[in-house]
């Protein structure tokens, strides 16, 4: 098996997604701060990039959902942060 540049990009994305989740489970990353959904979204984008080179429909669909959920989480985290500043 030969890994391509797209495979390496996807593996970096997997590292972001799995790493942020692992850190959140250890209590080392606050899921309510913008960094958590931002890194998850970036991970999903990198995985989607790799899937565009070696397509897998099921993986592509789950990554689209992962990206959408991360965008919602990022918006909520930024709004929450903005609300706290306004007080």
PDB file of N, CA and C in Angstrom:
ATOM      1  N   UNK A   1       0.847  -1.179   0.000  1.00  0.00           N
ATOM      2  CA  UNK A   1       0.000   0.000   0.000  1.00  0.00           C
ATOM      3  C   UNK A   1       0.891   1.240   0.000  1.00  0.00           C
ATOM      4  N   UNK A   2       0.596   2.154  -0.892  1.00  0.00           N
ATOM      5  CA  UNK A   2       1.345   3.386  -1.002  1.00  0.00           C
ATOM      6  C   UNK A   2       0.474   4.555  -0.556  1.00  0.00           C
ATOM      7  N   UNK A   3       1.005   5.371   0.334  1.00  0.00           N
ATOM      8  CA  UNK A   3       0.275   6.548   0.788  1.00  0.00           C
ATOM      9  C   UNK A   3       0.603   7.730  -0.107  1.00  0.00           C
ATOM     10  N   UNK A   4      -0.437   8.439  -0.510  1.00  0.00           N
ATOM     11  CA  UNK A   4      -0.263   9.626  -1.338  1.00  0.00           C
ATOM     12  C   UNK A   4      -0.246  10.869  -0.456  1.00  0.00           C
ATOM     13  N   UNK A   5       0.034  12.019  -1.074  1.00  0.00           N
ATOM     14  CA  UNK A   5      -0.012  13.287  -0.340  1.00  0.00           C
ATOM     15  C   UNK A   5      -1.413  13.523   0.227  1.00  0.00           C
ATOM     16  N   UNK A   6      -2.445  13.174  -0.540  1.00  0.00           N
ATOM     17  CA  UNK A   6      -3.822  13.330  -0.065  1.00  0.00           C
ATOM     18  C   UNK A   6      -4.087  12.440   1.148  1.00  0.00           C
ATOM     19  N   UNK A   7      -3.501  11.246   1.164  1.00  0.00           N
ATOM     20  CA  UNK A   7      -3.645  10.363   2.323  1.00  0.00           C
ATOM     21  C   UNK A   7      -3.025  11.001   3.574  1.00  0.00           C
ATOM     22  N   UNK A   8      -1.859  11.614   3.418  1.00  0.00           N
ATOM     23  CA  UNK A   8      -1.215  12.269   4.555  1.00  0.00           C
ATOM     24  C   UNK A   8      -2.049  13.439   5.069  1.00  0.00           C
ATOM     25  N   UNK A   9      -2.640  14.208   4.146  1.00  0.00           N
ATOM     26  CA  UNK A   9      -3.518  15.312   4.536  1.00  0.00           C
ATOM     27  C   UNK A   9      -4.695  14.759   5.338  1.00  0.00           C
ATOM     28  N   UNK A  10      -5.285  13.685   4.864  1.00  0.00           N
ATOM     29  CA  UNK A  10      -6.397  13.058   5.569  1.00  0.00           C
ATOM     30  C   UNK A  10      -5.993  12.548   6.940  1.00  0.00           C
ATOM     31  N   UNK A  11      -4.804  11.978   7.048  1.00  0.00           N
ATOM     32  CA  UNK A  11      -4.332  11.486   8.339  1.00  0.00           C
ATOM     33  C   UNK A  11      -4.109  12.629   9.331  1.00  0.00           C
ATOM     34  N   UNK A  12      -3.660  13.762   8.844  1.00  0.00           N
ATOM     35  CA  UNK A  12      -3.535  14.940   9.707  1.00  0.00           C
ATOM     36  C   UNK A  12      -4.919  15.351  10.200  1.00  0.00           C
ATOM     37  N   UNK A  13      -5.900  15.312   9.303  1.00  0.00           N
ATOM     38  CA  UNK A  13      -7.275  15.615   9.692  1.00  0.00           C
ATOM     39  C   UNK A  13      -7.789  14.661  10.749  1.00  0.00           C
ATOM     40  N   UNK A  14      -7.508  13.387  10.587  1.00  0.00           N
ATOM     41  CA  UNK A  14      -7.897  12.388  11.589  1.00  0.00           C
ATOM     42  C   UNK A  14      -7.233  12.725  12.927  1.00  0.00           C
ATOM     43  N   UNK A  15      -5.987  13.143  12.870  1.00  0.00           N
ATOM     44  CA  UNK A  15      -5.283  13.529  14.094  1.00  0.00           C
ATOM     45  C   UNK A  15      -5.978  14.670  14.821  1.00  0.00           C
ATOM     46  N   UNK A  16      -6.447  15.672  14.059  1.00  0.00           N
ATOM     47  CA  UNK A  16      -7.169  16.784  14.670  1.00  0.00           C
ATOM     48  C   UNK A  16      -8.470  16.311  15.319  1.00  0.00           C
ATOM     49  N   UNK A  17      -9.244  15.538  14.588  1.00  0.00           N
ATOM     50  CA  UNK A  17     -10.556  15.093  15.082  1.00  0.00           C
ATOM     51  C   UNK A  17     -10.404  14.188  16.303  1.00  0.00           C
ATOM     52  N   UNK A  18      -9.565  13.186  16.188  1.00  0.00           N
ATOM     53  CA  UNK A  18      -9.388  12.238  17.282  1.00  0.00           C
ATOM     54  C   UNK A  18      -8.657  12.905  18.456  1.00  0.00           C
ATOM     55  N   UNK A  19      -7.672  13.720  18.144  1.00  0.00           N
ATOM     56  CA  UNK A  19      -6.910  14.390  19.198  1.00  0.00           C
ATOM     57  C   UNK A  19      -7.755  15.336  20.034  1.00  0.00           C
ATOM     58  N   UNK A  20      -8.583  16.140  19.382  1.00  0.00           N
ATOM     59  CA  UNK A  20      -9.428  17.074  20.134  1.00  0.00           C
ATOM     60  C   UNK A  20     -10.450  16.313  20.978  1.00  0.00           C
ATOM     61  N   UNK A  21     -11.010  15.259  20.417  1.00  0.00           N
ATOM     62  CA  UNK A  21     -11.976  14.467  21.181  1.00  0.00           C
ATOM     63  C   UNK A  21     -11.306  13.817  22.391  1.00  0.00           C
ATOM     64  N   UNK A  22     -10.134  13.260  22.180  1.00  0.00           N
ATOM     65  CA  UNK A  22      -9.398  12.629  23.270  1.00  0.00           C
ATOM     66  C   UNK A  22      -9.075  13.643  24.368  1.00  0.00           C
ATOM     67  N   UNK A  23      -8.578  14.822  23.983  1.00  0.00           N
ATOM     68  CA  UNK A  23      -8.264  15.849  24.970  1.00  0.00           C
ATOM     69  C   UNK A  23      -9.510  16.312  25.718  1.00  0.00           C
ATOM     70  N   UNK A  24     -10.642  16.372  25.029  1.00  0.00           N
ATOM     71  CA  UNK A  24     -11.879  16.767  25.715  1.00  0.00           C
ATOM     72  C   UNK A  24     -12.281  15.713  26.735  1.00  0.00           C
ATOM     73  N   UNK A  25     -12.074  14.448  26.417  1.00  0.00           N
ATOM     74  CA  UNK A  25     -12.426  13.378  27.342  1.00  0.00           C
ATOM     75  C   UNK A  25     -11.505  13.352  28.563  1.00  0.00           C
ATOM     76  N   UNK A  26     -10.287  13.827  28.396  1.00  0.00           N
ATOM     77  CA  UNK A  26      -9.353  13.912  29.516  1.00  0.00           C
ATOM     78  C   UNK A  26      -9.569  15.180  30.337  1.00  0.00           C
ATOM     79  N   UNK A  27     -10.456  16.061  29.859  1.00  0.00           N
ATOM     80  CA  UNK A  27     -10.684  17.320  30.549  1.00  0.00           C
ATOM     81  C   UNK A  27      -9.626  18.363  30.252  1.00  0.00           C
ATOM     82  N   UNK A  28      -8.854  18.145  29.196  1.00  0.00           N
ATOM     83  CA  UNK A  28      -7.769  19.054  28.832  1.00  0.00           C
ATOM     84  C   UNK A  28      -8.170  20.053  27.757  1.00  0.00           C
ATOM     85  N   UNK A  29      -9.342  19.875  27.166  1.00  0.00           N
ATOM     86  CA  UNK A  29      -9.822  20.810  26.150  1.00  0.00           C
ATOM     87  C   UNK A  29     -11.279  21.127  26.446  1.00  0.00           C
ATOM     88  N   UNK A  30     -11.576  22.405  26.545  1.00  0.00           N
ATOM     89  CA  UNK A  30     -12.930  22.869  26.841  1.00  0.00           C
ATOM     90  C   UNK A  30     -13.741  22.871  25.547  1.00  0.00           C
ATOM     91  N   UNK A  31     -14.762  22.035  25.493  1.00  0.00           N
ATOM     92  CA  UNK A  31     -15.571  21.918  24.274  1.00  0.00           C
ATOM     93  C   UNK A  31     -16.427  23.156  24.025  1.00  0.00           C
ATOM     94  N   UNK A  32     -16.541  24.039  25.008  1.00  0.00           N
ATOM     95  CA  UNK A  32     -17.330  25.257  24.848  1.00  0.00           C
ATOM     96  C   UNK A  32     -16.526  26.425  24.298  1.00  0.00           C
ATOM     97  N   UNK A  33     -15.236  26.248  24.160  1.00  0.00           N
ATOM     98  CA  UNK A  33     -14.389  27.302  23.589  1.00  0.00           C
ATOM     99  C   UNK A  33     -14.287  27.112  22.079  1.00  0.00           C
ATOM    100  N   UNK A  34     -14.053  28.189  21.348  1.00  0.00           N
ATOM    101  CA  UNK A  34     -14.022  28.107  19.877  1.00  0.00           C
ATOM    102  C   UNK A  34     -12.965  27.165  19.305  1.00  0.00           C
ATOM    103  N   UNK A  35     -11.877  26.928  20.018  1.00  0.00           N
ATOM    104  CA  UNK A  35     -10.804  26.089  19.478  1.00  0.00           C
ATOM    105  C   UNK A  35     -11.269  24.667  19.193  1.00  0.00           C
ATOM    106  N   UNK A  36     -12.118  24.128  20.057  1.00  0.00           N
ATOM    107  CA  UNK A  36     -12.557  22.735  19.882  1.00  0.00           C
ATOM    108  C   UNK A  36     -13.315  22.530  18.563  1.00  0.00           C
ATOM    109  N   UNK A  37     -14.399  23.264  18.296  1.00  0.00           N
ATOM    110  CA  UNK A  37     -15.081  23.040  17.018  1.00  0.00           C
ATOM    111  C   UNK A  37     -14.251  23.488  15.817  1.00  0.00           C
ATOM    112  N   UNK A  38     -13.385  24.476  16.017  1.00  0.00           N
ATOM    113  CA  UNK A  38     -12.539  24.921  14.900  1.00  0.00           C
ATOM    114  C   UNK A  38     -11.584  23.814  14.468  1.00  0.00           C
ATOM    115  N   UNK A  39     -10.948  23.154  15.431  1.00  0.00           N
ATOM    116  CA  UNK A  39     -10.030  22.065  15.084  1.00  0.00           C
ATOM    117  C   UNK A  39     -10.767  20.860  14.525  1.00  0.00           C
ATOM    118  N   UNK A  40     -11.965  20.592  15.055  1.00  0.00           N
ATOM    119  CA  UNK A  40     -12.773  19.504  14.509  1.00  0.00           C
ATOM    120  C   UNK A  40     -13.186  19.806  13.070  1.00  0.00           C
ATOM    121  N   UNK A  41     -13.591  21.029  12.820  1.00  0.00           N
ATOM    122  CA  UNK A  41     -13.968  21.422  11.456  1.00  0.00           C
ATOM    123  C   UNK A  41     -12.791  21.348  10.502  1.00  0.00           C
ATOM    124  N   UNK A  42     -11.634  21.810  10.954  1.00  0.00           N
ATOM    125  CA  UNK A  42     -10.427  21.730  10.118  1.00  0.00           C
ATOM    126  C   UNK A  42     -10.093  20.271   9.823  1.00  0.00           C
ATOM    127  N   UNK A  43     -10.219  19.428  10.835  1.00  0.00           N
ATOM    128  CA  UNK A  43      -9.977  17.999  10.621  1.00  0.00           C
ATOM    129  C   UNK A  43     -10.914  17.419   9.581  1.00  0.00           C
ATOM    130  N   UNK A  44     -12.199  17.778   9.676  1.00  0.00           N
ATOM    131  CA  UNK A  44     -13.178  17.281   8.702  1.00  0.00           C
ATOM    132  C   UNK A  44     -12.837  17.757   7.291  1.00  0.00           C
ATOM    133  N   UNK A  45     -12.427  19.019   7.161  1.00  0.00           N
ATOM    134  CA  UNK A  45     -12.049  19.550   5.840  1.00  0.00           C
ATOM    135  C   UNK A  45     -10.875  18.772   5.269  1.00  0.00           C
ATOM    136  N   UNK A  46      -9.883  18.494   6.094  1.00  0.00           N
ATOM    137  CA  UNK A  46      -8.707  17.754   5.607  1.00  0.00           C
ATOM    138  C   UNK A  46      -9.074  16.335   5.206  1.00  0.00           C
ATOM    139  N   UNK A  47      -9.963  15.708   5.980  1.00  0.00           N
ATOM    140  CA  UNK A  47     -10.408  14.361   5.617  1.00  0.00           C
ATOM    141  C   UNK A  47     -11.215  14.398   4.323  1.00  0.00           C
ATOM    142  N   UNK A  48     -12.092  15.391   4.173  1.00  0.00           N
ATOM    143  CA  UNK A  48     -12.864  15.536   2.925  1.00  0.00           C
ATOM    144  C   UNK A  48     -11.922  15.711   1.743  1.00  0.00           C
ATOM    145  N   UNK A  49     -10.873  16.501   1.919  1.00  0.00           N
ATOM    146  CA  UNK A  49      -9.884  16.678   0.854  1.00  0.00           C
ATOM    147  C   UNK A  49      -9.311  15.331   0.423  1.00  0.00           C
ATOM    148  N   UNK A  50      -8.942  14.515   1.397  1.00  0.00           N
ATOM    149  CA  UNK A  50      -8.366  13.212   1.041  1.00  0.00           C
ATOM    150  C   UNK A  50      -9.405  12.320   0.372  1.00  0.00           C
ATOM    151  N   UNK A  51     -10.671  12.450   0.793  1.00  0.00           N
ATOM    152  CA  UNK A  51     -11.731  11.626   0.199  1.00  0.00           C
ATOM    153  C   UNK A  51     -12.038  12.040  -1.238  1.00  0.00           C
ATOM    154  N   UNK A  52     -11.745  13.259  -1.594  1.00  0.00           N
ATOM    155  CA  UNK A  52     -11.946  13.688  -2.981  1.00  0.00           C
ATOM    156  C   UNK A  52     -10.945  13.007  -3.920  1.00  0.00           C
ATOM    157  N   UNK A  53      -9.847  12.523  -3.348  1.00  0.00           N
ATOM    158  CA  UNK A  53      -8.845  11.819  -4.145  1.00  0.00           C
ATOM    159  C   UNK A  53      -9.059  10.307  -4.148  1.00  0.00           C
ATOM    160  N   UNK A  54      -9.527   9.781  -3.046  1.00  0.00           N
ATOM    161  CA  UNK A  54      -9.879   8.363  -2.936  1.00  0.00           C
ATOM    162  C   UNK A  54     -11.258   8.321  -2.297  1.00  0.00           C
ATOM    163  N   UNK A  55     -12.281   8.340  -3.139  1.00  0.00           N
ATOM    164  CA  UNK A  55     -13.647   8.560  -2.664  1.00  0.00           C
ATOM    165  C   UNK A  55     -14.228   7.347  -1.958  1.00  0.00           C
ATOM    166  N   UNK A  56     -14.949   7.625  -0.887  1.00  0.00           N
ATOM    167  CA  UNK A  56     -15.732   6.639  -0.160  1.00  0.00           C
ATOM    168  C   UNK A  56     -16.996   7.369   0.279  1.00  0.00           C
ATOM    169  N   UNK A  57     -18.141   6.964  -0.243  1.00  0.00           N
ATOM    170  CA  UNK A  57     -19.386   7.705  -0.036  1.00  0.00           C
ATOM    171  C   UNK A  57     -19.760   7.825   1.441  1.00  0.00           C
ATOM    172  N   UNK A  58     -19.689   6.730   2.184  1.00  0.00           N
ATOM    173  CA  UNK A  58     -20.090   6.766   3.592  1.00  0.00           C
ATOM    174  C   UNK A  58     -19.175   7.695   4.399  1.00  0.00           C
ATOM    175  N   UNK A  59     -17.897   7.611   4.165  1.00  0.00           N
ATOM    176  CA  UNK A  59     -16.955   8.485   4.876  1.00  0.00           C
ATOM    177  C   UNK A  59     -17.156   9.943   4.493  1.00  0.00           C
ATOM    178  N   UNK A  60     -17.440  10.193   3.234  1.00  0.00           N
ATOM    179  CA  UNK A  60     -17.679  11.555   2.776  1.00  0.00           C
ATOM    180  C   UNK A  60     -18.907  12.148   3.461  1.00  0.00           C
ATOM    181  N   UNK A  61     -19.982  11.373   3.549  1.00  0.00           N
ATOM    182  CA  UNK A  61     -21.223  11.861   4.176  1.00  0.00           C
ATOM    183  C   UNK A  61     -21.003  12.149   5.654  1.00  0.00           C
ATOM    184  N   UNK A  62     -20.336  11.257   6.366  1.00  0.00           N
ATOM    185  CA  UNK A  62     -20.126  11.509   7.794  1.00  0.00           C
ATOM    186  C   UNK A  62     -19.240  12.730   8.010  1.00  0.00           C
ATOM    187  N   UNK A  63     -18.275  12.941   7.150  1.00  0.00           N
ATOM    188  CA  UNK A  63     -17.416  14.120   7.292  1.00  0.00           C
ATOM    189  C   UNK A  63     -18.176  15.408   6.985  1.00  0.00           C
ATOM    190  N   UNK A  64     -19.114  15.360   6.043  1.00  0.00           N
ATOM    191  CA  UNK A  64     -19.956  16.541   5.796  1.00  0.00           C
ATOM    192  C   UNK A  64     -20.770  16.877   7.042  1.00  0.00           C
ATOM    193  N   UNK A  65     -21.333  15.857   7.687  1.00  0.00           N
ATOM    194  CA  UNK A  65     -22.066  16.090   8.932  1.00  0.00           C
ATOM    195  C   UNK A  65     -21.130  16.606  10.018  1.00  0.00           C
ATOM    196  N   UNK A  66     -19.947  16.018  10.132  1.00  0.00           N
ATOM    197  CA  UNK A  66     -18.971  16.440  11.136  1.00  0.00           C
ATOM    198  C   UNK A  66     -18.604  17.911  10.920  1.00  0.00           C
ATOM    199  N   UNK A  67     -18.426  18.297   9.670  1.00  0.00           N
ATOM    200  CA  UNK A  67     -18.100  19.694   9.352  1.00  0.00           C
ATOM    201  C   UNK A  67     -19.264  20.608   9.704  1.00  0.00           C
ATOM    202  N   UNK A  68     -20.477  20.233   9.337  1.00  0.00           N
ATOM    203  CA  UNK A  68     -21.653  21.064   9.632  1.00  0.00           C
ATOM    204  C   UNK A  68     -21.834  21.221  11.140  1.00  0.00           C
ATOM    205  N   UNK A  69     -21.702  20.145  11.883  1.00  0.00           N
ATOM    206  CA  UNK A  69     -21.840  20.213  13.339  1.00  0.00           C
ATOM    207  C   UNK A  69     -20.739  21.092  13.935  1.00  0.00           C
ATOM    208  N   UNK A  70     -19.543  21.006  13.401  1.00  0.00           N
ATOM    209  CA  UNK A  70     -18.443  21.831  13.888  1.00  0.00           C
ATOM    210  C   UNK A  70     -18.693  23.309  13.621  1.00  0.00           C
ATOM    211  N   UNK A  71     -19.265  23.624  12.469  1.00  0.00           N
ATOM    212  CA  UNK A  71     -19.592  25.024  12.156  1.00  0.00           C
ATOM    213  C   UNK A  71     -20.636  25.546  13.140  1.00  0.00           C
ATOM    214  N   UNK A  72     -21.666  24.749  13.410  1.00  0.00           N
ATOM    215  CA  UNK A  72     -22.681  25.143  14.399  1.00  0.00           C
ATOM    216  C   UNK A  72     -22.022  25.361  15.757  1.00  0.00           C
ATOM    217  N   UNK A  73     -21.169  24.454  16.176  1.00  0.00           N
ATOM    218  CA  UNK A  73     -20.480  24.584  17.455  1.00  0.00           C
ATOM    219  C   UNK A  73     -19.586  25.803  17.517  1.00  0.00           C
ATOM    220  N   UNK A  74     -18.902  26.105  16.416  1.00  0.00           N
ATOM    221  CA  UNK A  74     -18.034  27.276  16.376  1.00  0.00           C
ATOM    222  C   UNK A  74     -18.847  28.559  16.486  1.00  0.00           C
ATOM    223  N   UNK A  75     -19.953  28.629  15.772  1.00  0.00           N
ATOM    224  CA  UNK A  75     -20.816  29.811  15.850  1.00  0.00           C
ATOM    225  C   UNK A  75     -21.331  29.993  17.273  1.00  0.00           C
ATOM    226  N   UNK A  76     -21.787  28.908  17.886  1.00  0.00           N
ATOM    227  CA  UNK A  76     -22.296  28.986  19.266  1.00  0.00           C
ATOM    228  C   UNK A  76     -21.198  29.418  20.234  1.00  0.00           C
ATOM    229  N   UNK A  77     -19.999  28.883  20.075  1.00  0.00           N
ATOM    230  CA  UNK A  77     -18.893  29.238  20.965  1.00  0.00           C
ATOM    231  C   UNK A  77     -18.515  30.707  20.801  1.00  0.00           C
ATOM    232  N   UNK A  78     -18.512  31.195  19.575  1.00  0.00           N
ATOM    233  CA  UNK A  78     -18.176  32.601  19.345  1.00  0.00           C
ATOM    234  C   UNK A  78     -19.263  33.519  19.883  1.00  0.00           C
ATOM    235  N   UNK A  79     -20.519  33.141  19.732  1.00  0.00           N
ATOM    236  CA  UNK A  79     -21.620  33.937  20.300  1.00  0.00           C
ATOM    237  C   UNK A  79     -21.551  33.960  21.814  1.00  0.00           C
ATOM    238  N   UNK A  80     -21.295  32.804  22.411  1.00  0.00           N
ATOM    239  CA  UNK A  80     -21.195  32.718  23.862  1.00  0.00           C
ATOM    240  C   UNK A  80     -20.059  33.599  24.368  1.00  0.00           C
ATOM    241  N   UNK A  81     -18.937  33.569  23.672  1.00  0.00           N
ATOM    242  CA  UNK A  81     -17.786  34.392  24.059  1.00  0.00           C
ATOM    243  C   UNK A  81     -18.115  35.865  23.923  1.00  0.00           C
ATOM    244  N   UNK A  82     -18.809  36.222  22.857  1.00  0.00           N
ATOM    245  CA  UNK A  82     -19.212  37.614  22.636  1.00  0.00           C
ATOM    246  C   UNK A  82     -20.191  38.076  23.711  1.00  0.00           C
ATOM    247  N   UNK A  83     -21.142  37.207  24.073  1.00  0.00           N
ATOM    248  CA  UNK A  83     -22.115  37.544  25.113  1.00  0.00           C
ATOM    249  C   UNK A  83     -21.432  37.778  26.450  1.00  0.00           C
ATOM    250  N   UNK A  84     -20.421  36.989  26.753  1.00  0.00           N
ATOM    251  CA  UNK A  84     -19.703  37.139  28.025  1.00  0.00           C
ATOM    252  C   UNK A  84     -18.930  38.437  28.061  1.00  0.00           C
ATOM    253  N   UNK A  85     -18.407  38.884  26.915  1.00  0.00           N
ATOM    254  CA  UNK A  85     -17.675  40.149  26.861  1.00  0.00           C
ATOM    255  C   UNK A  85     -18.586  41.345  27.048  1.00  0.00           C
ATOM    256  N   UNK A  86     -19.835  41.225  26.548  1.00  0.00           N
ATOM    257  CA  UNK A  86     -20.773  42.334  26.624  1.00  0.00           C
ATOM    258  C   UNK A  86     -21.275  42.588  28.044  1.00  0.00           C
ATOM    259  N   UNK A  87     -21.075  41.663  28.929  1.00  0.00           N
ATOM    260  CA  UNK A  87     -21.589  41.831  30.304  1.00  0.00           C
ATOM    261  C   UNK A  87     -20.664  42.625  31.154  1.00  0.00           C
TER     262      UNK A  87
END
